[in-house]
Amino acid sequence: RETERITPIGTDNKTISHYHLSPEGWVDLPGGSQRLCYNEIPTKVNWTYLCFDFDLATMTALGLRCNDRSFDLSGFDSIRLPAMKNLWCMLNFGLFAETDVAKRAFLYVDSICISGDF
């Protein structure tokens, strides 16, 4: 899929990176529009169940579930980047929350399960 170009950081050619939070290049999930609960007041907390299943051996997304809905990811391919010598054998997770109005957003993660046959 699409991603930002890889750029060097510094002048020694030891570190490279890419802008992984770029607003460009994202693809909408067909039928993925879903109204989620929101906090009407700052002290109220709502919970949303989210499960993303990804096979590291095949680099394939196996499933995505949000609350009571399951989404078909068979038409999507993962972004593939060459190994970066400054991030060798590293697995990064990125989680964020945003709003579509001028309100603050907080993301509290209850648990993350990473399992595998390593």
PDB file of N, CA and C in Angstrom:
ATOM      1  N   ARG A   1       0.834  -1.190   0.000  1.00  0.00           N
ATOM      2  CA  ARG A   1       0.000   0.000   0.000  1.00  0.00           C
ATOM      3  C   ARG A   1       0.869   1.239   0.000  1.00  0.00           C
ATOM      4  N   GLU A   2       0.261   2.364   0.199  1.00  0.00           N
ATOM      5  CA  GLU A   2       0.978   3.636   0.142  1.00  0.00           C
ATOM      6  C   GLU A   2       1.552   3.996   1.504  1.00  0.00           C
ATOM      7  N   THR A   3       2.667   4.670   1.497  1.00  0.00           N
ATOM      8  CA  THR A   3       3.234   5.219   2.718  1.00  0.00           C
ATOM      9  C   THR A   3       4.133   6.393   2.341  1.00  0.00           C
ATOM     10  N   GLU A   4       4.533   7.126   3.322  1.00  0.00           N
ATOM     11  CA  GLU A   4       5.437   8.248   3.077  1.00  0.00           C
ATOM     12  C   GLU A   4       6.831   7.716   2.747  1.00  0.00           C
ATOM     13  N   ARG A   5       7.591   8.505   2.047  1.00  0.00           N
ATOM     14  CA  ARG A   5       8.929   8.064   1.656  1.00  0.00           C
ATOM     15  C   ARG A   5       9.844   8.005   2.877  1.00  0.00           C
ATOM     16  N   ILE A   6      10.830   7.144   2.799  1.00  0.00           N
ATOM     17  CA  ILE A   6      11.811   7.001   3.871  1.00  0.00           C
ATOM     18  C   ILE A   6      12.849   8.103   3.711  1.00  0.00           C
ATOM     19  N   THR A   7      13.181   8.759   4.828  1.00  0.00           N
ATOM     20  CA  THR A   7      14.126   9.875   4.787  1.00  0.00           C
ATOM     21  C   THR A   7      15.220   9.675   5.832  1.00  0.00           C
ATOM     22  N   PRO A   8      16.433  10.125   5.538  1.00  0.00           N
ATOM     23  CA  PRO A   8      17.508  10.032   6.532  1.00  0.00           C
ATOM     24  C   PRO A   8      17.322  11.079   7.622  1.00  0.00           C
ATOM     25  N   ILE A   9      17.771  10.723   8.813  1.00  0.00           N
ATOM     26  CA  ILE A   9      17.773  11.662   9.936  1.00  0.00           C
ATOM     27  C   ILE A   9      19.237  11.899  10.300  1.00  0.00           C
ATOM     28  N   GLY A  10      19.650  13.115  10.280  1.00  0.00           N
ATOM     29  CA  GLY A  10      21.054  13.431  10.545  1.00  0.00           C
ATOM     30  C   GLY A  10      21.897  13.297   9.289  1.00  0.00           C
ATOM     31  N   THR A  11      23.204  13.357   9.474  1.00  0.00           N
ATOM     32  CA  THR A  11      24.125  13.323   8.331  1.00  0.00           C
ATOM     33  C   THR A  11      25.001  12.078   8.298  1.00  0.00           C
ATOM     34  N   ASP A  12      24.906  11.200   9.295  1.00  0.00           N
ATOM     35  CA  ASP A  12      25.787  10.031   9.377  1.00  0.00           C
ATOM     36  C   ASP A  12      25.232   8.795   8.684  1.00  0.00           C
ATOM     37  N   ASN A  13      24.009   8.881   8.122  1.00  0.00           N
ATOM     38  CA  ASN A  13      23.368   7.746   7.459  1.00  0.00           C
ATOM     39  C   ASN A  13      23.207   6.541   8.387  1.00  0.00           C
ATOM     40  N   LYS A  14      23.007   6.801   9.685  1.00  0.00           N
ATOM     41  CA  LYS A  14      22.793   5.723  10.645  1.00  0.00           C
ATOM     42  C   LYS A  14      21.320   5.536  10.968  1.00  0.00           C
ATOM     43  N   THR A  15      20.533   6.587  10.808  1.00  0.00           N
ATOM     44  CA  THR A  15      19.125   6.532  11.192  1.00  0.00           C
ATOM     45  C   THR A  15      18.264   7.019  10.035  1.00  0.00           C
ATOM     46  N   ILE A  16      17.231   6.235   9.735  1.00  0.00           N
ATOM     47  CA  ILE A  16      16.243   6.636   8.734  1.00  0.00           C
ATOM     48  C   ILE A  16      14.862   6.491   9.345  1.00  0.00           C
ATOM     49  N   SER A  17      13.886   7.159   8.760  1.00  0.00           N
ATOM     50  CA  SER A  17      12.529   7.108   9.292  1.00  0.00           C
ATOM     51  C   SER A  17      11.546   7.447   8.179  1.00  0.00           C
ATOM     52  N   HIS A  18      10.282   7.349   8.515  1.00  0.00           N
ATOM     53  CA  HIS A  18       9.224   7.823   7.626  1.00  0.00           C
ATOM     54  C   HIS A  18       8.096   8.349   8.494  1.00  0.00           C
ATOM     55  N   TYR A  19       7.288   9.238   7.945  1.00  0.00           N
ATOM     56  CA  TYR A  19       6.203   9.884   8.686  1.00  0.00           C
ATOM     57  C   TYR A  19       5.011   8.935   8.714  1.00  0.00           C
ATOM     58  N   HIS A  20       4.981   8.052   9.704  1.00  0.00           N
ATOM     59  CA  HIS A  20       3.956   7.010   9.760  1.00  0.00           C
ATOM     60  C   HIS A  20       2.590   7.504  10.221  1.00  0.00           C
ATOM     61  N   LEU A  21       2.481   8.721  10.685  1.00  0.00           N
ATOM     62  CA  LEU A  21       1.177   9.267  11.079  1.00  0.00           C
ATOM     63  C   LEU A  21       0.661  10.274  10.058  1.00  0.00           C
ATOM     64  N   SER A  22       1.186  10.226   8.871  1.00  0.00           N
ATOM     65  CA  SER A  22       0.757  11.149   7.822  1.00  0.00           C
ATOM     66  C   SER A  22      -0.736  10.996   7.538  1.00  0.00           C
ATOM     67  N   PRO A  23      -1.440  12.089   7.298  1.00  0.00           N
ATOM     68  CA  PRO A  23      -2.864  11.983   6.964  1.00  0.00           C
ATOM     69  C   PRO A  23      -3.103  11.475   5.545  1.00  0.00           C
ATOM     70  N   GLU A  24      -2.061  11.345   4.741  1.00  0.00           N
ATOM     71  CA  GLU A  24      -2.193  10.889   3.354  1.00  0.00           C
ATOM     72  C   GLU A  24      -2.043   9.371   3.260  1.00  0.00           C
ATOM     73  N   GLY A  25      -2.675   8.782   2.234  1.00  0.00           N
ATOM     74  CA  GLY A  25      -2.452   7.378   1.927  1.00  0.00           C
ATOM     75  C   GLY A  25      -3.322   6.380   2.666  1.00  0.00           C
ATOM     76  N   TRP A  26      -4.231   6.823   3.508  1.00  0.00           N
ATOM     77  CA  TRP A  26      -5.115   5.909   4.225  1.00  0.00           C
ATOM     78  C   TRP A  26      -6.238   5.449   3.298  1.00  0.00           C
ATOM     79  N   VAL A  27      -6.699   4.233   3.472  1.00  0.00           N
ATOM     80  CA  VAL A  27      -7.764   3.663   2.654  1.00  0.00           C
ATOM     81  C   VAL A  27      -8.932   3.313   3.570  1.00  0.00           C
ATOM     82  N   ASP A  28     -10.141   3.767   3.215  1.00  0.00           N
ATOM     83  CA  ASP A  28     -11.321   3.451   4.020  1.00  0.00           C
ATOM     84  C   ASP A  28     -11.704   1.987   3.863  1.00  0.00           C
ATOM     85  N   LEU A  29     -12.192   1.408   4.923  1.00  0.00           N
ATOM     86  CA  LEU A  29     -12.689   0.041   4.925  1.00  0.00           C
ATOM     87  C   LEU A  29     -14.102   0.049   4.358  1.00  0.00           C
ATOM     88  N   PRO A  30     -14.371  -0.692   3.276  1.00  0.00           N
ATOM     89  CA  PRO A  30     -15.730  -0.698   2.712  1.00  0.00           C
ATOM     90  C   PRO A  30     -16.761  -1.128   3.760  1.00  0.00           C
ATOM     91  N   GLY A  31     -17.806  -0.325   3.910  1.00  0.00           N
ATOM     92  CA  GLY A  31     -18.834  -0.624   4.909  1.00  0.00           C
ATOM     93  C   GLY A  31     -18.366  -0.400   6.333  1.00  0.00           C
ATOM     94  N   GLY A  32     -17.258   0.303   6.495  1.00  0.00           N
ATOM     95  CA  GLY A  32     -16.663   0.464   7.810  1.00  0.00           C
ATOM     96  C   GLY A  32     -17.204   1.612   8.631  1.00  0.00           C
ATOM     97  N   SER A  33     -18.091   2.414   8.067  1.00  0.00           N
ATOM     98  CA  SER A  33     -18.654   3.525   8.825  1.00  0.00           C
ATOM     99  C   SER A  33     -19.436   2.984  10.019  1.00  0.00           C
ATOM    100  N   GLN A  34     -19.154   3.517  11.172  1.00  0.00           N
ATOM    101  CA  GLN A  34     -19.798   3.024  12.386  1.00  0.00           C
ATOM    102  C   GLN A  34     -19.870   4.150  13.406  1.00  0.00           C
ATOM    103  N   ARG A  35     -21.047   4.347  13.958  1.00  0.00           N
ATOM    104  CA  ARG A  35     -21.192   5.344  15.023  1.00  0.00           C
ATOM    105  C   ARG A  35     -20.752   4.713  16.325  1.00  0.00           C
ATOM    106  N   LEU A  36     -19.846   5.368  16.990  1.00  0.00           N
ATOM    107  CA  LEU A  36     -19.353   4.884  18.270  1.00  0.00           C
ATOM    108  C   LEU A  36     -19.816   5.831  19.367  1.00  0.00           C
ATOM    109  N   CYS A  37     -19.861   5.324  20.577  1.00  0.00           N
ATOM    110  CA  CYS A  37     -20.280   6.167  21.692  1.00  0.00           C
ATOM    111  C   CYS A  37     -19.228   7.245  21.933  1.00  0.00           C
ATOM    112  N   TYR A  38     -19.632   8.294  22.588  1.00  0.00           N
ATOM    113  CA  TYR A  38     -18.707   9.371  22.898  1.00  0.00           C
ATOM    114  C   TYR A  38     -18.999   9.860  24.307  1.00  0.00           C
ATOM    115  N   ASN A  39     -18.064  10.574  24.867  1.00  0.00           N
ATOM    116  CA  ASN A  39     -18.206  11.091  26.219  1.00  0.00           C
ATOM    117  C   ASN A  39     -18.895  12.446  26.173  1.00  0.00           C
ATOM    118  N   GLU A  40     -20.086  12.500  26.737  1.00  0.00           N
ATOM    119  CA  GLU A  40     -20.848  13.744  26.744  1.00  0.00           C
ATOM    120  C   GLU A  40     -20.258  14.767  27.712  1.00  0.00           C
ATOM    121  N   ILE A  41     -19.625  14.273  28.771  1.00  0.00           N
ATOM    122  CA  ILE A  41     -18.995  15.153  29.754  1.00  0.00           C
ATOM    123  C   ILE A  41     -17.566  14.644  29.998  1.00  0.00           C
ATOM    124  N   PRO A  42     -16.647  15.499  30.424  1.00  0.00           N
ATOM    125  CA  PRO A  42     -15.246  15.099  30.569  1.00  0.00           C
ATOM    126  C   PRO A  42     -14.998  13.966  31.560  1.00  0.00           C
ATOM    127  N   THR A  43     -15.885  13.775  32.533  1.00  0.00           N
ATOM    128  CA  THR A  43     -15.639  12.755  33.551  1.00  0.00           C
ATOM    129  C   THR A  43     -16.241  11.396  33.207  1.00  0.00           C
ATOM    130  N   LYS A  44     -16.952  11.299  32.099  1.00  0.00           N
ATOM    131  CA  LYS A  44     -17.574  10.031  31.715  1.00  0.00           C
ATOM    132  C   LYS A  44     -16.621   9.236  30.827  1.00  0.00           C
ATOM    133  N   VAL A  45     -16.543   7.926  31.048  1.00  0.00           N
ATOM    134  CA  VAL A  45     -15.680   7.057  30.252  1.00  0.00           C
ATOM    135  C   VAL A  45     -16.537   5.996  29.578  1.00  0.00           C
ATOM    136  N   ASN A  46     -16.400   5.859  28.263  1.00  0.00           N
ATOM    137  CA  ASN A  46     -17.092   4.811  27.511  1.00  0.00           C
ATOM    138  C   ASN A  46     -16.058   3.812  27.006  1.00  0.00           C
ATOM    139  N   TRP A  47     -16.485   2.548  26.874  1.00  0.00           N
ATOM    140  CA  TRP A  47     -15.590   1.486  26.432  1.00  0.00           C
ATOM    141  C   TRP A  47     -15.968   1.028  25.035  1.00  0.00           C
ATOM    142  N   THR A  48     -14.989   0.796  24.199  1.00  0.00           N
ATOM    143  CA  THR A  48     -15.186   0.228  22.868  1.00  0.00           C
ATOM    144  C   THR A  48     -14.256  -0.965  22.729  1.00  0.00           C
ATOM    145  N   TYR A  49     -14.825  -2.116  22.341  1.00  0.00           N
ATOM    146  CA  TYR A  49     -14.018  -3.315  22.122  1.00  0.00           C
ATOM    147  C   TYR A  49     -13.416  -3.249  20.722  1.00  0.00           C
ATOM    148  N   LEU A  50     -12.119  -3.462  20.621  1.00  0.00           N
ATOM    149  CA  LEU A  50     -11.441  -3.448  19.332  1.00  0.00           C
ATOM    150  C   LEU A  50     -10.436  -4.591  19.302  1.00  0.00           C
ATOM    151  N   CYS A  51     -10.493  -5.401  18.257  1.00  0.00           N
ATOM    152  CA  CYS A  51      -9.567  -6.521  18.110  1.00  0.00           C
ATOM    153  C   CYS A  51      -9.043  -6.540  16.678  1.00  0.00           C
ATOM    154  N   PHE A  52      -7.732  -6.513  16.536  1.00  0.00           N
ATOM    155  CA  PHE A  52      -7.084  -6.585  15.226  1.00  0.00           C
ATOM    156  C   PHE A  52      -6.169  -7.795  15.241  1.00  0.00           C
ATOM    157  N   ASP A  53      -6.403  -8.725  14.328  1.00  0.00           N
ATOM    158  CA  ASP A  53      -5.642  -9.971  14.260  1.00  0.00           C
ATOM    159  C   ASP A  53      -4.740  -9.924  13.031  1.00  0.00           C
ATOM    160  N   PHE A  54      -3.423 -10.058  13.255  1.00  0.00           N
ATOM    161  CA  PHE A  54      -2.449  -9.910  12.173  1.00  0.00           C
ATOM    162  C   PHE A  54      -1.438 -11.042  12.244  1.00  0.00           C
ATOM    163  N   ASP A  55      -1.215 -11.712  11.126  1.00  0.00           N
ATOM    164  CA  ASP A  55      -0.257 -12.813  11.045  1.00  0.00           C
ATOM    165  C   ASP A  55       1.099 -12.256  10.612  1.00  0.00           C
ATOM    166  N   LEU A  56       2.075 -12.281  11.520  1.00  0.00           N
ATOM    167  CA  LEU A  56       3.395 -11.729  11.215  1.00  0.00           C
ATOM    168  C   LEU A  56       4.161 -12.580  10.211  1.00  0.00           C
ATOM    169  N   ALA A  57       3.911 -13.887  10.185  1.00  0.00           N
ATOM    170  CA  ALA A  57       4.628 -14.765   9.253  1.00  0.00           C
ATOM    171  C   ALA A  57       4.265 -14.448   7.804  1.00  0.00           C
ATOM    172  N   THR A  58       2.994 -14.198   7.557  1.00  0.00           N
ATOM    173  CA  THR A  58       2.547 -13.916   6.184  1.00  0.00           C
ATOM    174  C   THR A  58       2.317 -12.431   5.934  1.00  0.00           C
ATOM    175  N   MET A  59       2.463 -11.615   6.986  1.00  0.00           N
ATOM    176  CA  MET A  59       2.203 -10.170   6.903  1.00  0.00           C
ATOM    177  C   MET A  59       0.797  -9.902   6.372  1.00  0.00           C
ATOM    178  N   THR A  60      -0.172 -10.645   6.916  1.00  0.00           N
ATOM    179  CA  THR A  60      -1.553 -10.564   6.455  1.00  0.00           C
ATOM    180  C   THR A  60      -2.475 -10.187   7.609  1.00  0.00           C
ATOM    181  N   ALA A  61      -3.361  -9.236   7.360  1.00  0.00           N
ATOM    182  CA  ALA A  61      -4.407  -8.905   8.335  1.00  0.00           C
ATOM    183  C   ALA A  61      -5.481  -9.981   8.255  1.00  0.00           C
ATOM    184  N   LEU A  62      -5.753 -10.642   9.371  1.00  0.00           N
ATOM    185  CA  LEU A  62      -6.716 -11.739   9.392  1.00  0.00           C
ATOM    186  C   LEU A  62      -8.112 -11.287   9.790  1.00  0.00           C
ATOM    187  N   GLY A  63      -8.212 -10.264  10.604  1.00  0.00           N
ATOM    188  CA  GLY A  63      -9.533  -9.832  11.026  1.00  0.00           C
ATOM    189  C   GLY A  63      -9.506  -8.544  11.814  1.00  0.00           C
ATOM    190  N   LEU A  64     -10.636  -7.874  11.808  1.00  0.00           N
ATOM    191  CA  LEU A  64     -10.832  -6.657  12.586  1.00  0.00           C
ATOM    192  C   LEU A  64     -12.237  -6.704  13.143  1.00  0.00           C
ATOM    193  N   ARG A  65     -12.340  -6.536  14.469  1.00  0.00           N
ATOM    194  CA  ARG A  65     -13.643  -6.501  15.128  1.00  0.00           C
ATOM    195  C   ARG A  65     -13.733  -5.226  15.960  1.00  0.00           C
ATOM    196  N   CYS A  66     -14.883  -4.575  15.877  1.00  0.00           N
ATOM    197  CA  CYS A  66     -15.145  -3.386  16.678  1.00  0.00           C
ATOM    198  C   CYS A  66     -16.534  -3.540  17.271  1.00  0.00           C
ATOM    199  N   ASN A  67     -16.594  -3.650  18.582  1.00  0.00           N
ATOM    200  CA  ASN A  67     -17.836  -3.941  19.293  1.00  0.00           C
ATOM    201  C   ASN A  67     -18.460  -5.211  18.721  1.00  0.00           C
ATOM    202  N   ASP A  68     -19.641  -5.145  18.132  1.00  0.00           N
ATOM    203  CA  ASP A  68     -20.320  -6.355  17.643  1.00  0.00           C
ATOM    204  C   ASP A  68     -20.150  -6.567  16.140  1.00  0.00           C
ATOM    205  N   ARG A  69     -19.267  -5.817  15.488  1.00  0.00           N
ATOM    206  CA  ARG A  69     -19.097  -5.940  14.032  1.00  0.00           C
ATOM    207  C   ARG A  69     -17.741  -6.540  13.681  1.00  0.00           C
ATOM    208  N   SER A  70     -17.747  -7.425  12.683  1.00  0.00           N
ATOM    209  CA  SER A  70     -16.514  -7.981  12.128  1.00  0.00           C
ATOM    210  C   SER A  70     -16.358  -7.466  10.706  1.00  0.00           C
ATOM    211  N   PHE A  71     -15.130  -7.141  10.333  1.00  0.00           N
ATOM    212  CA  PHE A  71     -14.865  -6.562   9.016  1.00  0.00           C
ATOM    213  C   PHE A  71     -13.971  -7.483   8.201  1.00  0.00           C
ATOM    214  N   ASP A  72     -14.261  -7.568   6.911  1.00  0.00           N
ATOM    215  CA  ASP A  72     -13.496  -8.385   5.980  1.00  0.00           C
ATOM    216  C   ASP A  72     -12.262  -7.608   5.528  1.00  0.00           C
ATOM    217  N   LEU A  73     -11.089  -8.139   5.800  1.00  0.00           N
ATOM    218  CA  LEU A  73      -9.846  -7.475   5.432  1.00  0.00           C
ATOM    219  C   LEU A  73      -9.126  -8.190   4.293  1.00  0.00           C
ATOM    220  N   SER A  74      -9.810  -9.101   3.628  1.00  0.00           N
ATOM    221  CA  SER A  74      -9.161  -9.907   2.589  1.00  0.00           C
ATOM    222  C   SER A  74      -8.681  -9.072   1.402  1.00  0.00           C
ATOM    223  N   GLY A  75      -9.256  -7.924   1.167  1.00  0.00           N
ATOM    224  CA  GLY A  75      -8.846  -7.087   0.042  1.00  0.00           C
ATOM    225  C   GLY A  75      -7.738  -6.103   0.371  1.00  0.00           C
ATOM    226  N   PHE A  76      -7.232  -6.154   1.590  1.00  0.00           N
ATOM    227  CA  PHE A  76      -6.215  -5.200   2.008  1.00  0.00           C
ATOM    228  C   PHE A  76      -4.857  -5.872   2.136  1.00  0.00           C
ATOM    229  N   ASP A  77      -3.825  -5.142   1.768  1.00  0.00           N
ATOM    230  CA  ASP A  77      -2.463  -5.615   1.910  1.00  0.00           C
ATOM    231  C   ASP A  77      -1.770  -4.699   2.913  1.00  0.00           C
ATOM    232  N   SER A  78      -0.802  -5.236   3.630  1.00  0.00           N
ATOM    233  CA  SER A  78      -0.110  -4.421   4.619  1.00  0.00           C
ATOM    234  C   SER A  78       0.977  -3.582   3.952  1.00  0.00           C
ATOM    235  N   ILE A  79       1.340  -2.513   4.618  1.00  0.00           N
ATOM    236  CA  ILE A  79       2.436  -1.675   4.150  1.00  0.00           C
ATOM    237  C   ILE A  79       3.734  -2.429   4.420  1.00  0.00           C
ATOM    238  N   ARG A  80       4.578  -2.507   3.443  1.00  0.00           N
ATOM    239  CA  ARG A  80       5.861  -3.197   3.593  1.00  0.00           C
ATOM    240  C   ARG A  80       6.992  -2.188   3.415  1.00  0.00           C
ATOM    241  N   LEU A  81       7.867  -2.174   4.402  1.00  0.00           N
ATOM    242  CA  LEU A  81       9.017  -1.279   4.373  1.00  0.00           C
ATOM    243  C   LEU A  81      10.284  -2.108   4.472  1.00  0.00           C
ATOM    244  N   PRO A  82      11.365  -1.661   3.885  1.00  0.00           N
ATOM    245  CA  PRO A  82      12.624  -2.386   4.064  1.00  0.00           C
ATOM    246  C   PRO A  82      13.077  -2.280   5.520  1.00  0.00           C
ATOM    247  N   ALA A  83      13.841  -3.268   5.963  1.00  0.00           N
ATOM    248  CA  ALA A  83      14.353  -3.248   7.337  1.00  0.00           C
ATOM    249  C   ALA A  83      15.219  -2.013   7.534  1.00  0.00           C
ATOM    250  N   MET A  84      15.042  -1.372   8.669  1.00  0.00           N
ATOM    251  CA  MET A  84      15.846  -0.196   9.000  1.00  0.00           C
ATOM    252  C   MET A  84      16.905  -0.631  10.003  1.00  0.00           C
ATOM    253  N   LYS A  85      18.170  -0.389   9.707  1.00  0.00           N
ATOM    254  CA  LYS A  85      19.232  -0.889  10.578  1.00  0.00           C
ATOM    255  C   LYS A  85      19.178  -0.289  11.979  1.00  0.00           C
ATOM    256  N   ASN A  86      18.527   0.842  12.152  1.00  0.00           N
ATOM    257  CA  ASN A  86      18.391   1.424  13.482  1.00  0.00           C
ATOM    258  C   ASN A  86      17.176   0.870  14.232  1.00  0.00           C
ATOM    259  N   LEU A  87      16.351   0.047  13.587  1.00  0.00           N
ATOM    260  CA  LEU A  87      15.164  -0.544  14.224  1.00  0.00           C
ATOM    261  C   LEU A  87      15.111  -2.044  13.951  1.00  0.00           C
ATOM    262  N   TRP A  88      16.197  -2.722  14.063  1.00  0.00           N
ATOM    263  CA  TRP A  88      16.277  -4.131  13.720  1.00  0.00           C
ATOM    264  C   TRP A  88      15.445  -4.991  14.681  1.00  0.00           C
ATOM    265  N   CYS A  89      14.634  -5.887  14.130  1.00  0.00           N
ATOM    266  CA  CYS A  89      13.804  -6.840  14.892  1.00  0.00           C
ATOM    267  C   CYS A  89      12.866  -6.135  15.869  1.00  0.00           C
ATOM    268  N   MET A  90      12.298  -5.030  15.473  1.00  0.00           N
ATOM    269  CA  MET A  90      11.416  -4.274  16.350  1.00  0.00           C
ATOM    270  C   MET A  90       9.996  -4.314  15.813  1.00  0.00           C
ATOM    271  N   LEU A  91       9.039  -4.496  16.701  1.00  0.00           N
ATOM    272  CA  LEU A  91       7.627  -4.491  16.346  1.00  0.00           C
ATOM    273  C   LEU A  91       6.978  -3.309  17.058  1.00  0.00           C
ATOM    274  N   ASN A  92       6.490  -2.348  16.300  1.00  0.00           N
ATOM    275  CA  ASN A  92       5.898  -1.138  16.874  1.00  0.00           C
ATOM    276  C   ASN A  92       4.386  -1.163  16.740  1.00  0.00           C
ATOM    277  N   PHE A  93       3.715  -0.724  17.765  1.00  0.00           N
ATOM    278  CA  PHE A  93       2.269  -0.553  17.735  1.00  0.00           C
ATOM    279  C   PHE A  93       1.968   0.925  17.870  1.00  0.00           C
ATOM    280  N   GLY A  94       1.041   1.399  17.073  1.00  0.00           N
ATOM    281  CA  GLY A  94       0.636   2.793  17.165  1.00  0.00           C
ATOM    282  C   GLY A  94      -0.851   2.879  17.464  1.00  0.00           C
ATOM    283  N   LEU A  95      -1.210   3.508  18.552  1.00  0.00           N
ATOM    284  CA  LEU A  95      -2.610   3.686  18.941  1.00  0.00           C
ATOM    285  C   LEU A  95      -2.872   5.175  19.110  1.00  0.00           C
ATOM    286  N   PHE A  96      -3.999   5.636  18.600  1.00  0.00           N
ATOM    287  CA  PHE A  96      -4.338   7.038  18.776  1.00  0.00           C
ATOM    288  C   PHE A  96      -5.850   7.196  18.745  1.00  0.00           C
ATOM    289  N   ALA A  97      -6.308   8.306  19.258  1.00  0.00           N
ATOM    290  CA  ALA A  97      -7.734   8.651  19.227  1.00  0.00           C
ATOM    291  C   ALA A  97      -7.851  10.082  18.735  1.00  0.00           C
ATOM    292  N   GLU A  98      -8.880  10.319  17.942  1.00  0.00           N
ATOM    293  CA  GLU A  98      -9.115  11.673  17.470  1.00  0.00           C
ATOM    294  C   GLU A  98     -10.615  11.913  17.381  1.00  0.00           C
ATOM    295  N   THR A  99     -10.987  13.174  17.278  1.00  0.00           N
ATOM    296  CA  THR A  99     -12.398  13.533  17.190  1.00  0.00           C
ATOM    297  C   THR A  99     -12.651  14.258  15.875  1.00  0.00           C
ATOM    298  N   ASP A 100     -13.916  14.353  15.521  1.00  0.00           N
ATOM    299  CA  ASP A 100     -14.262  15.116  14.315  1.00  0.00           C
ATOM    300  C   ASP A 100     -14.820  16.488  14.680  1.00  0.00           C
ATOM    301  N   VAL A 101     -14.683  16.869  15.939  1.00  0.00           N
ATOM    302  CA  VAL A 101     -15.096  18.187  16.413  1.00  0.00           C
ATOM    303  C   VAL A 101     -13.959  18.766  17.256  1.00  0.00           C
ATOM    304  N   ALA A 102     -14.071  20.023  17.616  1.00  0.00           N
ATOM    305  CA  ALA A 102     -13.024  20.688  18.387  1.00  0.00           C
ATOM    306  C   ALA A 102     -13.134  20.335  19.868  1.00  0.00           C
ATOM    307  N   LYS A 103     -12.945  19.068  20.189  1.00  0.00           N
ATOM    308  CA  LYS A 103     -12.972  18.583  21.577  1.00  0.00           C
ATOM    309  C   LYS A 103     -11.728  17.743  21.810  1.00  0.00           C
ATOM    310  N   ARG A 104     -11.283  17.680  23.042  1.00  0.00           N
ATOM    311  CA  ARG A 104     -10.121  16.854  23.340  1.00  0.00           C
ATOM    312  C   ARG A 104     -10.505  15.376  23.329  1.00  0.00           C
ATOM    313  N   ALA A 105      -9.545  14.532  23.085  1.00  0.00           N
ATOM    314  CA  ALA A 105      -9.782  13.091  23.048  1.00  0.00           C
ATOM    315  C   ALA A 105      -8.704  12.396  23.868  1.00  0.00           C
ATOM    316  N   PHE A 106      -9.107  11.381  24.604  1.00  0.00           N
ATOM    317  CA  PHE A 106      -8.174  10.578  25.386  1.00  0.00           C
ATOM    318  C   PHE A 106      -8.349   9.121  25.002  1.00  0.00           C
ATOM    319  N   LEU A 107      -7.283   8.369  25.026  1.00  0.00           N
ATOM    320  CA  LEU A 107      -7.334   6.946  24.736  1.00  0.00           C
ATOM    321  C   LEU A 107      -6.732   6.206  25.919  1.00  0.00           C
ATOM    322  N   TYR A 108      -7.534   5.395  26.565  1.00  0.00           N
ATOM    323  CA  TYR A 108      -7.072   4.545  27.647  1.00  0.00           C
ATOM    324  C   TYR A 108      -7.093   3.112  27.143  1.00  0.00           C
ATOM    325  N   VAL A 109      -5.967   2.440  27.205  1.00  0.00           N
ATOM    326  CA  VAL A 109      -5.882   1.059  26.736  1.00  0.00           C
ATOM    327  C   VAL A 109      -5.913   0.150  27.952  1.00  0.00           C
ATOM    328  N   ASP A 110      -6.896  -0.743  27.991  1.00  0.00           N
ATOM    329  CA  ASP A 110      -7.048  -1.663  29.110  1.00  0.00           C
ATOM    330  C   ASP A 110      -6.046  -2.806  29.019  1.00  0.00           C
ATOM    331  N   SER A 111      -5.903  -3.394  27.855  1.00  0.00           N
ATOM    332  CA  SER A 111      -4.935  -4.484  27.701  1.00  0.00           C
ATOM    333  C   SER A 111      -4.588  -4.685  26.234  1.00  0.00           C
ATOM    334  N   ILE A 112      -3.389  -5.166  26.013  1.00  0.00           N
ATOM    335  CA  ILE A 112      -2.931  -5.546  24.679  1.00  0.00           C
ATOM    336  C   ILE A 112      -2.326  -6.930  24.802  1.00  0.00           C
ATOM    337  N   CYS A 113      -2.740  -7.829  23.945  1.00  0.00           N
ATOM    338  CA  CYS A 113      -2.220  -9.194  23.955  1.00  0.00           C
ATOM    339  C   CYS A 113      -1.426  -9.419  22.673  1.00  0.00           C
ATOM    340  N   ILE A 114      -0.154  -9.681  22.831  1.00  0.00           N
ATOM    341  CA  ILE A 114       0.701 -10.024  21.698  1.00  0.00           C
ATOM    342  C   ILE A 114       1.117 -11.472  21.907  1.00  0.00           C
ATOM    343  N   SER A 115       0.747 -12.324  20.987  1.00  0.00           N
ATOM    344  CA  SER A 115       1.107 -13.732  21.145  1.00  0.00           C
ATOM    345  C   SER A 115       1.732 -14.243  19.864  1.00  0.00           C
ATOM    346  N   GLY A 116       2.553 -15.247  20.000  1.00  0.00           N
ATOM    347  CA  GLY A 116       3.187 -15.803  18.815  1.00  0.00           C
ATOM    348  C   GLY A 116       4.024 -17.010  19.148  1.00  0.00           C
ATOM    349  N   ASP A 117       4.477 -17.672  18.131  1.00  0.00           N
ATOM    350  CA  ASP A 117       5.361 -18.816  18.262  1.00  0.00           C
ATOM    351  C   ASP A 117       6.748 -18.341  17.857  1.00  0.00           C
ATOM    352  N   PHE A 118       7.479 -17.782  18.829  1.00  0.00           N
ATOM    353  CA  PHE A 118       8.767 -17.154  18.516  1.00  0.00           C
ATOM    354  C   PHE A 118       9.921 -18.099  18.785  1.00  0.00           C
TER     355      PHE A 118
END
